Amino acid sequence: FLLALFKHLQLHVFELEDTHASVDKNSGHVEKILDWIE
């Protein structure tokens, strides 16, 4: 249910730019940035 809900919101409701771009390579860097800021 959660996966279906968030997928629908992602694709058909919010349609935020760049959400479909490849994030695998950069997600680790973003996590480190967020941890540092925290």
PDB file of all heavy atoms in Angstrom:
ATOM      1  N   PHE A   1       0.827  -1.204   0.000  1.00  0.00           N
ATOM      2  CA  PHE A   1       0.000   0.000   0.000  1.00  0.00           C
ATOM      3  C   PHE A   1       0.865   1.259   0.000  1.00  0.00           C
ATOM      4  O   PHE A   1       0.638   2.190  -0.786  1.00  0.00           O
ATOM      5  CB  PHE A   1      -0.927   0.014   1.213  1.00  0.00           C
ATOM      6  CG  PHE A   1      -1.522   1.363   1.512  1.00  0.00           C
ATOM      7  CD1 PHE A   1      -2.461   1.930   0.659  1.00  0.00           C
ATOM      8  CD2 PHE A   1      -1.121   2.078   2.634  1.00  0.00           C
ATOM      9  CE1 PHE A   1      -2.998   3.187   0.920  1.00  0.00           C
ATOM     10  CE2 PHE A   1      -1.656   3.332   2.909  1.00  0.00           C
ATOM     11  CZ  PHE A   1      -2.600   3.887   2.046  1.00  0.00           C
ATOM     12  N   LEU A   2       1.865   1.284   0.875  1.00  0.00           N
ATOM     13  CA  LEU A   2       2.724   2.454   0.958  1.00  0.00           C
ATOM     14  C   LEU A   2       3.482   2.694  -0.345  1.00  0.00           C
ATOM     15  O   LEU A   2       3.573   3.822  -0.824  1.00  0.00           O
ATOM     16  CB  LEU A   2       3.713   2.281   2.116  1.00  0.00           C
ATOM     17  CG  LEU A   2       3.123   2.335   3.522  1.00  0.00           C
ATOM     18  CD1 LEU A   2       4.208   2.052   4.546  1.00  0.00           C
ATOM     19  CD2 LEU A   2       2.486   3.679   3.791  1.00  0.00           C
ATOM     20  N   LEU A   3       4.009   1.629  -0.919  1.00  0.00           N
ATOM     21  CA  LEU A   3       4.743   1.771  -2.171  1.00  0.00           C
ATOM     22  C   LEU A   3       3.838   2.284  -3.287  1.00  0.00           C
ATOM     23  O   LEU A   3       4.230   3.156  -4.073  1.00  0.00           O
ATOM     24  CB  LEU A   3       5.383   0.444  -2.570  1.00  0.00           C
ATOM     25  CG  LEU A   3       6.511  -0.066  -1.656  1.00  0.00           C
ATOM     26  CD1 LEU A   3       7.007  -1.427  -2.135  1.00  0.00           C
ATOM     27  CD2 LEU A   3       7.661   0.933  -1.611  1.00  0.00           C
ATOM     28  N   ALA A   4       2.628   1.739  -3.361  1.00  0.00           N
ATOM     29  CA  ALA A   4       1.687   2.184  -4.389  1.00  0.00           C
ATOM     30  C   ALA A   4       1.286   3.638  -4.168  1.00  0.00           C
ATOM     31  O   ALA A   4       1.198   4.431  -5.116  1.00  0.00           O
ATOM     32  CB  ALA A   4       0.449   1.287  -4.390  1.00  0.00           C
ATOM     33  N   LEU A   5       1.051   4.016  -2.921  1.00  0.00           N
ATOM     34  CA  LEU A   5       0.662   5.385  -2.599  1.00  0.00           C
ATOM     35  C   LEU A   5       1.757   6.378  -2.971  1.00  0.00           C
ATOM     36  O   LEU A   5       1.514   7.368  -3.667  1.00  0.00           O
ATOM     37  CB  LEU A   5       0.337   5.495  -1.110  1.00  0.00           C
ATOM     38  CG  LEU A   5       0.075   6.912  -0.582  1.00  0.00           C
ATOM     39  CD1 LEU A   5      -1.159   7.520  -1.234  1.00  0.00           C
ATOM     40  CD2 LEU A   5      -0.055   6.907   0.934  1.00  0.00           C
ATOM     41  N   PHE A   6       2.972   6.118  -2.513  1.00  0.00           N
ATOM     42  CA  PHE A   6       4.058   7.059  -2.755  1.00  0.00           C
ATOM     43  C   PHE A   6       4.440   7.105  -4.228  1.00  0.00           C
ATOM     44  O   PHE A   6       4.823   8.157  -4.741  1.00  0.00           O
ATOM     45  CB  PHE A   6       5.267   6.703  -1.891  1.00  0.00           C
ATOM     46  CG  PHE A   6       4.990   6.798  -0.427  1.00  0.00           C
ATOM     47  CD1 PHE A   6       5.503   5.865   0.453  1.00  0.00           C
ATOM     48  CD2 PHE A   6       4.194   7.815   0.083  1.00  0.00           C
ATOM     49  CE1 PHE A   6       5.247   5.945   1.801  1.00  0.00           C
ATOM     50  CE2 PHE A   6       3.926   7.903   1.430  1.00  0.00           C
ATOM     51  CZ  PHE A   6       4.449   6.965   2.300  1.00  0.00           C
ATOM     52  N   LYS A   7       4.327   5.971  -4.905  1.00  0.00           N
ATOM     53  CA  LYS A   7       4.628   5.971  -6.334  1.00  0.00           C
ATOM     54  C   LYS A   7       3.617   6.829  -7.087  1.00  0.00           C
ATOM     55  O   LYS A   7       3.977   7.590  -8.000  1.00  0.00           O
ATOM     56  CB  LYS A   7       4.612   4.541  -6.882  1.00  0.00           C
ATOM     57  CG  LYS A   7       5.241   4.411  -8.267  1.00  0.00           C
ATOM     58  CD  LYS A   7       6.728   4.752  -8.216  1.00  0.00           C
ATOM     59  CE  LYS A   7       7.407   4.550  -9.550  1.00  0.00           C
ATOM     60  NZ  LYS A   7       8.848   4.903  -9.493  1.00  0.00           N
ATOM     61  N   HIS A   8       2.344   6.723  -6.711  1.00  0.00           N
ATOM     62  CA  HIS A   8       1.316   7.543  -7.361  1.00  0.00           C
ATOM     63  C   HIS A   8       1.555   9.028  -7.080  1.00  0.00           C
ATOM     64  O   HIS A   8       1.458   9.861  -7.991  1.00  0.00           O
ATOM     65  CB  HIS A   8      -0.066   7.127  -6.866  1.00  0.00           C
ATOM     66  CG  HIS A   8      -1.175   7.934  -7.474  1.00  0.00           C
ATOM     67  ND1 HIS A   8      -1.644   7.716  -8.753  1.00  0.00           N
ATOM     68  CD2 HIS A   8      -1.891   8.995  -6.990  1.00  0.00           C
ATOM     69  CE1 HIS A   8      -2.602   8.582  -9.030  1.00  0.00           C
ATOM     70  NE2 HIS A   8      -2.766   9.373  -7.972  1.00  0.00           N
ATOM     71  N   LEU A   9       1.866   9.366  -5.838  1.00  0.00           N
ATOM     72  CA  LEU A   9       2.133  10.759  -5.498  1.00  0.00           C
ATOM     73  C   LEU A   9       3.344  11.280  -6.266  1.00  0.00           C
ATOM     74  O   LEU A   9       3.349  12.412  -6.752  1.00  0.00           O
ATOM     75  CB  LEU A   9       2.374  10.898  -3.993  1.00  0.00           C
ATOM     76  CG  LEU A   9       1.182  10.605  -3.075  1.00  0.00           C
ATOM     77  CD1 LEU A   9       1.616  10.694  -1.619  1.00  0.00           C
ATOM     78  CD2 LEU A   9       0.027  11.552  -3.347  1.00  0.00           C
ATOM     79  N   GLN A  10       4.355  10.443  -6.376  1.00  0.00           N
ATOM     80  CA  GLN A  10       5.583  10.844  -7.050  1.00  0.00           C
ATOM     81  C   GLN A  10       5.361  11.104  -8.535  1.00  0.00           C
ATOM     82  O   GLN A  10       5.836  12.113  -9.080  1.00  0.00           O
ATOM     83  CB  GLN A  10       6.644   9.746  -6.872  1.00  0.00           C
ATOM     84  CG  GLN A  10       7.957  10.022  -7.580  1.00  0.00           C
ATOM     85  CD  GLN A  10       8.883   8.832  -7.526  1.00  0.00           C
ATOM     86  OE1 GLN A  10       8.532   7.770  -7.025  1.00  0.00           O
ATOM     87  NE2 GLN A  10      10.089   8.989  -8.044  1.00  0.00           N
ATOM     88  N   LEU A  11       4.615  10.227  -9.195  1.00  0.00           N
ATOM     89  CA  LEU A  11       4.483  10.304 -10.650  1.00  0.00           C
ATOM     90  C   LEU A  11       3.338  11.203 -11.113  1.00  0.00           C
ATOM     91  O   LEU A  11       3.440  11.852 -12.162  1.00  0.00           O
ATOM     92  CB  LEU A  11       4.273   8.905 -11.226  1.00  0.00           C
ATOM     93  CG  LEU A  11       5.438   7.924 -11.082  1.00  0.00           C
ATOM     94  CD1 LEU A  11       5.067   6.594 -11.695  1.00  0.00           C
ATOM     95  CD2 LEU A  11       6.698   8.477 -11.719  1.00  0.00           C
ATOM     96  N   HIS A  12       2.246  11.254 -10.332  1.00  0.00           N
ATOM     97  CA  HIS A  12       1.031  11.875 -10.852  1.00  0.00           C
ATOM     98  C   HIS A  12       0.519  13.066 -10.052  1.00  0.00           C
ATOM     99  O   HIS A  12      -0.423  13.732 -10.500  1.00  0.00           O
ATOM    100  CB  HIS A  12      -0.086  10.828 -10.940  1.00  0.00           C
ATOM    101  CG  HIS A  12       0.282   9.627 -11.753  1.00  0.00           C
ATOM    102  ND1 HIS A  12       0.485   9.698 -13.108  1.00  0.00           N
ATOM    103  CD2 HIS A  12       0.496   8.334 -11.386  1.00  0.00           C
ATOM    104  CE1 HIS A  12       0.799   8.483 -13.560  1.00  0.00           C
ATOM    105  NE2 HIS A  12       0.813   7.650 -12.535  1.00  0.00           N
ATOM    106  N   VAL A  13       1.085  13.322  -8.890  1.00  0.00           N
ATOM    107  CA  VAL A  13       0.573  14.414  -8.072  1.00  0.00           C
ATOM    108  C   VAL A  13       1.606  15.531  -7.952  1.00  0.00           C
ATOM    109  O   VAL A  13       1.412  16.629  -8.470  1.00  0.00           O
ATOM    110  CB  VAL A  13       0.145  13.919  -6.674  1.00  0.00           C
ATOM    111  CG1 VAL A  13      -0.365  15.081  -5.819  1.00  0.00           C
ATOM    112  CG2 VAL A  13      -0.939  12.853  -6.814  1.00  0.00           C
ATOM    113  N   PHE A  14       2.716  15.252  -7.308  1.00  0.00           N
ATOM    114  CA  PHE A  14       3.692  16.307  -7.067  1.00  0.00           C
ATOM    115  C   PHE A  14       4.556  16.581  -8.298  1.00  0.00           C
ATOM    116  O   PHE A  14       4.909  17.713  -8.578  1.00  0.00           O
ATOM    117  CB  PHE A  14       4.577  15.956  -5.871  1.00  0.00           C
ATOM    118  CG  PHE A  14       3.833  16.059  -4.577  1.00  0.00           C
ATOM    119  CD1 PHE A  14       3.159  14.966  -4.063  1.00  0.00           C
ATOM    120  CD2 PHE A  14       3.782  17.249  -3.886  1.00  0.00           C
ATOM    121  CE1 PHE A  14       2.463  15.058  -2.869  1.00  0.00           C
ATOM    122  CE2 PHE A  14       3.084  17.357  -2.694  1.00  0.00           C
ATOM    123  CZ  PHE A  14       2.423  16.260  -2.190  1.00  0.00           C
ATOM    124  N   GLU A  15       4.915  15.531  -9.027  1.00  0.00           N
ATOM    125  CA  GLU A  15       5.689  15.680 -10.255  1.00  0.00           C
ATOM    126  C   GLU A  15       6.877  16.621 -10.046  1.00  0.00           C
ATOM    127  O   GLU A  15       7.127  17.539 -10.819  1.00  0.00           O
ATOM    128  CB  GLU A  15       4.810  16.197 -11.400  1.00  0.00           C
ATOM    129  CG  GLU A  15       3.683  15.239 -11.741  1.00  0.00           C
ATOM    130  CD  GLU A  15       2.796  15.753 -12.859  1.00  0.00           C
ATOM    131  OE1 GLU A  15       2.643  16.987 -12.969  1.00  0.00           O
ATOM    132  OE2 GLU A  15       2.275  14.939 -13.620  1.00  0.00           O
ATOM    133  N   LEU A  16       7.626  16.387  -8.980  1.00  0.00           N
ATOM    134  CA  LEU A  16       8.793  17.217  -8.691  1.00  0.00           C
ATOM    135  C   LEU A  16       9.885  16.960  -9.709  1.00  0.00           C
ATOM    136  O   LEU A  16      10.147  15.820 -10.081  1.00  0.00           O
ATOM    137  CB  LEU A  16       9.332  16.917  -7.287  1.00  0.00           C
ATOM    138  CG  LEU A  16       8.387  17.245  -6.124  1.00  0.00           C
ATOM    139  CD1 LEU A  16       9.001  16.790  -4.824  1.00  0.00           C
ATOM    140  CD2 LEU A  16       8.091  18.721  -6.080  1.00  0.00           C
ATOM    141  N   GLU A  17      10.517  18.032 -10.144  1.00  0.00           N
ATOM    142  CA  GLU A  17      11.575  17.873 -11.119  1.00  0.00           C
ATOM    143  C   GLU A  17      12.736  17.100 -10.505  1.00  0.00           C
ATOM    144  O   GLU A  17      12.981  17.136  -9.312  1.00  0.00           O
ATOM    145  CB  GLU A  17      12.068  19.240 -11.608  1.00  0.00           C
ATOM    146  CG  GLU A  17      12.797  20.067 -10.572  1.00  0.00           C
ATOM    147  CD  GLU A  17      11.858  20.802  -9.648  1.00  0.00           C
ATOM    148  OE1 GLU A  17      10.638  20.601  -9.757  1.00  0.00           O
ATOM    149  OE2 GLU A  17      12.349  21.569  -8.810  1.00  0.00           O
ATOM    150  N   ASP A  18      13.427  16.360 -11.347  1.00  0.00           N
ATOM    151  CA  ASP A  18      14.637  15.623 -10.983  1.00  0.00           C
ATOM    152  C   ASP A  18      14.372  14.374 -10.146  1.00  0.00           C
ATOM    153  O   ASP A  18      15.312  13.680  -9.777  1.00  0.00           O
ATOM    154  CB  ASP A  18      15.640  16.497 -10.206  1.00  0.00           C
ATOM    155  CG  ASP A  18      16.116  17.673 -11.026  1.00  0.00           C
ATOM    156  OD1 ASP A  18      16.258  17.530 -12.262  1.00  0.00           O
ATOM    157  OD2 ASP A  18      16.326  18.733 -10.438  1.00  0.00           O
ATOM    158  N   THR A  19      13.107  14.050  -9.820  1.00  0.00           N
ATOM    159  CA  THR A  19      12.870  12.868  -9.002  1.00  0.00           C
ATOM    160  C   THR A  19      13.098  11.594  -9.797  1.00  0.00           C
ATOM    161  O   THR A  19      13.249  10.530  -9.215  1.00  0.00           O
ATOM    162  CB  THR A  19      11.432  12.842  -8.441  1.00  0.00           C
ATOM    163  OG1 THR A  19      10.504  12.981  -9.522  1.00  0.00           O
ATOM    164  CG2 THR A  19      11.234  13.963  -7.460  1.00  0.00           C
ATOM    165  N   HIS A  20      13.139  11.682 -11.126  1.00  0.00           N
ATOM    166  CA  HIS A  20      13.364  10.495 -11.934  1.00  0.00           C
ATOM    167  C   HIS A  20      14.824  10.369 -12.360  1.00  0.00           C
ATOM    168  O   HIS A  20      15.199   9.428 -13.029  1.00  0.00           O
ATOM    169  CB  HIS A  20      12.470  10.543 -13.182  1.00  0.00           C
ATOM    170  CG  HIS A  20      11.030  10.730 -12.851  1.00  0.00           C
ATOM    171  ND1 HIS A  20      10.289   9.803 -12.169  1.00  0.00           N
ATOM    172  CD2 HIS A  20      10.188  11.778 -13.078  1.00  0.00           C
ATOM    173  CE1 HIS A  20       9.052  10.237 -12.005  1.00  0.00           C
ATOM    174  NE2 HIS A  20       8.974  11.439 -12.548  1.00  0.00           N
ATOM    175  N   ALA A  21      15.628  11.346 -11.987  1.00  0.00           N
ATOM    176  CA  ALA A  21      17.036  11.266 -12.342  1.00  0.00           C
ATOM    177  C   ALA A  21      17.716  10.186 -11.524  1.00  0.00           C
ATOM    178  O   ALA A  21      17.240   9.772 -10.467  1.00  0.00           O
ATOM    179  CB  ALA A  21      17.698  12.614 -12.084  1.00  0.00           C
ATOM    180  N   SER A  22      18.846   9.721 -12.001  1.00  0.00           N
ATOM    181  CA  SER A  22      19.578   8.684 -11.285  1.00  0.00           C
ATOM    182  C   SER A  22      20.078   9.234  -9.961  1.00  0.00           C
ATOM    183  O   SER A  22      20.765  10.254  -9.912  1.00  0.00           O
ATOM    184  CB  SER A  22      20.777   8.201 -12.111  1.00  0.00           C
ATOM    185  OG  SER A  22      21.533   7.272 -11.371  1.00  0.00           O
ATOM    186  N   VAL A  23      19.713   8.585  -8.859  1.00  0.00           N
ATOM    187  CA  VAL A  23      20.116   9.062  -7.549  1.00  0.00           C
ATOM    188  C   VAL A  23      21.004   8.066  -6.824  1.00  0.00           C
ATOM    189  O   VAL A  23      21.476   8.347  -5.732  1.00  0.00           O
ATOM    190  CB  VAL A  23      18.871   9.364  -6.674  1.00  0.00           C
ATOM    191  CG1 VAL A  23      18.056  10.483  -7.284  1.00  0.00           C
ATOM    192  CG2 VAL A  23      18.018   8.117  -6.493  1.00  0.00           C
ATOM    193  N   ASP A  24      21.241   6.898  -7.426  1.00  0.00           N
ATOM    194  CA  ASP A  24      22.011   5.859  -6.750  1.00  0.00           C
ATOM    195  C   ASP A  24      23.422   6.344  -6.399  1.00  0.00           C
ATOM    196  O   ASP A  24      23.893   6.170  -5.282  1.00  0.00           O
ATOM    197  CB  ASP A  24      22.099   4.614  -7.633  1.00  0.00           C
ATOM    198  CG  ASP A  24      20.735   4.064  -7.982  1.00  0.00           C
ATOM    199  OD1 ASP A  24      20.180   3.325  -7.168  1.00  0.00           O
ATOM    200  OD2 ASP A  24      20.233   4.409  -9.062  1.00  0.00           O
ATOM    201  N   LYS A  25      24.076   6.977  -7.358  1.00  0.00           N
ATOM    202  CA  LYS A  25      25.455   7.400  -7.167  1.00  0.00           C
ATOM    203  C   LYS A  25      25.564   8.516  -6.151  1.00  0.00           C
ATOM    204  O   LYS A  25      26.533   8.589  -5.379  1.00  0.00           O
ATOM    205  CB  LYS A  25      26.039   7.858  -8.517  1.00  0.00           C
ATOM    206  CG  LYS A  25      27.474   8.335  -8.425  1.00  0.00           C
ATOM    207  CD  LYS A  25      27.973   8.756  -9.795  1.00  0.00           C
ATOM    208  CE  LYS A  25      29.399   9.283  -9.722  1.00  0.00           C
ATOM    209  NZ  LYS A  25      29.895   9.709 -11.051  1.00  0.00           N
ATOM    210  N   ASN A  26      24.581   9.403  -6.127  1.00  0.00           N
ATOM    211  CA  ASN A  26      24.685  10.602  -5.300  1.00  0.00           C
ATOM    212  C   ASN A  26      23.987  10.508  -3.953  1.00  0.00           C
ATOM    213  O   ASN A  26      24.181  11.379  -3.108  1.00  0.00           O
ATOM    214  CB  ASN A  26      24.117  11.799  -6.069  1.00  0.00           C
ATOM    215  CG  ASN A  26      24.911  12.103  -7.328  1.00  0.00           C
ATOM    216  OD1 ASN A  26      26.126  11.995  -7.347  1.00  0.00           O
ATOM    217  ND2 ASN A  26      24.210  12.488  -8.390  1.00  0.00           N
ATOM    218  N   SER A  27      23.143   9.491  -3.754  1.00  0.00           N
ATOM    219  CA  SER A  27      22.361   9.427  -2.524  1.00  0.00           C
ATOM    220  C   SER A  27      23.258   9.336  -1.297  1.00  0.00           C
ATOM    221  O   SER A  27      22.944   9.910  -0.252  1.00  0.00           O
ATOM    222  CB  SER A  27      21.403   8.233  -2.565  1.00  0.00           C
ATOM    223  OG  SER A  27      22.121   7.018  -2.700  1.00  0.00           O
ATOM    224  N   GLY A  28      24.384   8.636  -1.414  1.00  0.00           N
ATOM    225  CA  GLY A  28      25.301   8.528  -0.285  1.00  0.00           C
ATOM    226  C   GLY A  28      25.878   9.866   0.101  1.00  0.00           C
ATOM    227  O   GLY A  28      26.017  10.195   1.297  1.00  0.00           O
ATOM    228  N   HIS A  29      26.232  10.689  -0.887  1.00  0.00           N
ATOM    229  CA  HIS A  29      26.760  12.025  -0.602  1.00  0.00           C
ATOM    230  C   HIS A  29      25.700  12.890   0.083  1.00  0.00           C
ATOM    231  O   HIS A  29      26.003  13.631   1.029  1.00  0.00           O
ATOM    232  CB  HIS A  29      27.216  12.701  -1.895  1.00  0.00           C
ATOM    233  CG  HIS A  29      28.439  12.085  -2.507  1.00  0.00           C
ATOM    234  ND1 HIS A  29      29.512  11.636  -1.762  1.00  0.00           N
ATOM    235  CD2 HIS A  29      28.762  11.853  -3.808  1.00  0.00           C
ATOM    236  CE1 HIS A  29      30.440  11.150  -2.555  1.00  0.00           C
ATOM    237  NE2 HIS A  29      30.008  11.265  -3.811  1.00  0.00           N
ATOM    238  N   VAL A  30      24.469  12.816  -0.402  1.00  0.00           N
ATOM    239  CA  VAL A  30      23.397  13.622   0.186  1.00  0.00           C
ATOM    240  C   VAL A  30      23.156  13.205   1.633  1.00  0.00           C
ATOM    241  O   VAL A  30      22.952  14.053   2.512  1.00  0.00           O
ATOM    242  CB  VAL A  30      22.105  13.512  -0.645  1.00  0.00           C
ATOM    243  CG1 VAL A  30      20.954  14.227   0.048  1.00  0.00           C
ATOM    244  CG2 VAL A  30      22.316  14.088  -2.033  1.00  0.00           C
ATOM    245  N   GLU A  31      23.181  11.906   1.901  1.00  0.00           N
ATOM    246  CA  GLU A  31      23.012  11.429   3.274  1.00  0.00           C
ATOM    247  C   GLU A  31      24.099  11.981   4.178  1.00  0.00           C
ATOM    248  O   GLU A  31      23.837  12.387   5.319  1.00  0.00           O
ATOM    249  CB  GLU A  31      23.019   9.903   3.300  1.00  0.00           C
ATOM    250  CG  GLU A  31      21.775   9.257   2.712  1.00  0.00           C
ATOM    251  CD  GLU A  31      21.849   7.746   2.740  1.00  0.00           C
ATOM    252  OE1 GLU A  31      22.844   7.212   3.289  1.00  0.00           O
ATOM    253  OE2 GLU A  31      20.922   7.096   2.230  1.00  0.00           O
ATOM    254  N   LYS A  32      25.331  12.029   3.685  1.00  0.00           N
ATOM    255  CA  LYS A  32      26.434  12.555   4.484  1.00  0.00           C
ATOM    256  C   LYS A  32      26.270  14.048   4.723  1.00  0.00           C
ATOM    257  O   LYS A  32      26.573  14.560   5.805  1.00  0.00           O
ATOM    258  CB  LYS A  32      27.764  12.262   3.790  1.00  0.00           C
ATOM    259  CG  LYS A  32      28.148  10.785   3.789  1.00  0.00           C
ATOM    260  CD  LYS A  32      29.462  10.548   3.059  1.00  0.00           C
ATOM    261  CE  LYS A  32      29.818   9.065   3.049  1.00  0.00           C
ATOM    262  NZ  LYS A  32      31.085   8.812   2.292  1.00  0.00           N
ATOM    263  N   ILE A  33      25.792  14.770   3.703  1.00  0.00           N
ATOM    264  CA  ILE A  33      25.545  16.197   3.865  1.00  0.00           C
ATOM    265  C   ILE A  33      24.476  16.430   4.934  1.00  0.00           C
ATOM    266  O   ILE A  33      24.626  17.273   5.828  1.00  0.00           O
ATOM    267  CB  ILE A  33      25.113  16.829   2.530  1.00  0.00           C
ATOM    268  CG1 ILE A  33      26.254  16.775   1.513  1.00  0.00           C
ATOM    269  CG2 ILE A  33      24.666  18.278   2.739  1.00  0.00           C
ATOM    270  CD1 ILE A  33      25.842  17.191   0.113  1.00  0.00           C
ATOM    271  N   LEU A  34      23.382  15.664   4.852  1.00  0.00           N
ATOM    272  CA  LEU A  34      22.300  15.804   5.825  1.00  0.00           C
ATOM    273  C   LEU A  34      22.779  15.460   7.233  1.00  0.00           C
ATOM    274  O   LEU A  34      22.420  16.134   8.212  1.00  0.00           O
ATOM    275  CB  LEU A  34      21.126  14.905   5.432  1.00  0.00           C
ATOM    276  CG  LEU A  34      20.356  15.322   4.177  1.00  0.00           C
ATOM    277  CD1 LEU A  34      19.369  14.234   3.768  1.00  0.00           C
ATOM    278  CD2 LEU A  34      19.632  16.643   4.380  1.00  0.00           C
ATOM    279  N   ASP A  35      23.590  14.397   7.345  1.00  0.00           N
ATOM    280  CA  ASP A  35      24.123  14.019   8.655  1.00  0.00           C
ATOM    281  C   ASP A  35      25.015  15.122   9.225  1.00  0.00           C
ATOM    282  O   ASP A  35      24.957  15.427  10.422  1.00  0.00           O
ATOM    283  CB  ASP A  35      24.918  12.711   8.552  1.00  0.00           C
ATOM    284  CG  ASP A  35      24.017  11.503   8.315  1.00  0.00           C
ATOM    285  OD1 ASP A  35      22.811  11.607   8.576  1.00  0.00           O
ATOM    286  OD2 ASP A  35      24.529  10.458   7.864  1.00  0.00           O
ATOM    287  N   TRP A  36      25.834  15.718   8.358  1.00  0.00           N
ATOM    288  CA  TRP A  36      26.734  16.785   8.810  1.00  0.00           C
ATOM    289  C   TRP A  36      25.929  17.996   9.271  1.00  0.00           C
ATOM    290  O   TRP A  36      26.216  18.581  10.317  1.00  0.00           O
ATOM    291  CB  TRP A  36      27.682  17.175   7.681  1.00  0.00           C
ATOM    292  CG  TRP A  36      28.770  18.113   8.102  1.00  0.00           C
ATOM    293  CD1 TRP A  36      30.014  17.789   8.573  1.00  0.00           C
ATOM    294  CD2 TRP A  36      28.708  19.550   8.098  1.00  0.00           C
ATOM    295  NE1 TRP A  36      30.733  18.918   8.863  1.00  0.00           N
ATOM    296  CE2 TRP A  36      29.946  20.026   8.584  1.00  0.00           C
ATOM    297  CE3 TRP A  36      27.735  20.474   7.736  1.00  0.00           C
ATOM    298  CZ2 TRP A  36      30.236  21.374   8.707  1.00  0.00           C
ATOM    299  CZ3 TRP A  36      28.010  21.830   7.876  1.00  0.00           C
ATOM    300  CH2 TRP A  36      29.250  22.279   8.344  1.00  0.00           C
ATOM    301  N   ILE A  37      24.918  18.356   8.506  1.00  0.00           N
ATOM    302  CA  ILE A  37      24.076  19.492   8.882  1.00  0.00           C
ATOM    303  C   ILE A  37      23.364  19.216  10.197  1.00  0.00           C
ATOM    304  O   ILE A  37      23.237  20.099  11.053  1.00  0.00           O
ATOM    305  CB  ILE A  37      23.068  19.806   7.765  1.00  0.00           C
ATOM    306  CG1 ILE A  37      23.800  20.334   6.520  1.00  0.00           C
ATOM    307  CG2 ILE A  37      22.031  20.831   8.240  1.00  0.00           C
ATOM    308  CD1 ILE A  37      22.895  20.542   5.325  1.00  0.00           C
ATOM    309  N   GLU A  38      22.889  17.979  10.353  1.00  0.00           N
ATOM    310  CA  GLU A  38      22.185  17.623  11.586  1.00  0.00           C
ATOM    311  C   GLU A  38      23.071  17.823  12.810  1.00  0.00           C
ATOM    312  O   GLU A  38      22.602  18.186  13.892  1.00  0.00           O
ATOM    313  CB  GLU A  38      21.694  16.177  11.510  1.00  0.00           C
ATOM    314  CG  GLU A  38      20.767  15.765  12.624  1.00  0.00           C
ATOM    315  CD  GLU A  38      19.458  16.541  12.626  1.00  0.00           C
ATOM    316  OE1 GLU A  38      19.020  17.006  11.551  1.00  0.00           O
ATOM    317  OE2 GLU A  38      18.873  16.693  13.717  1.00  0.00           O
TER     318      GLU A  38
END
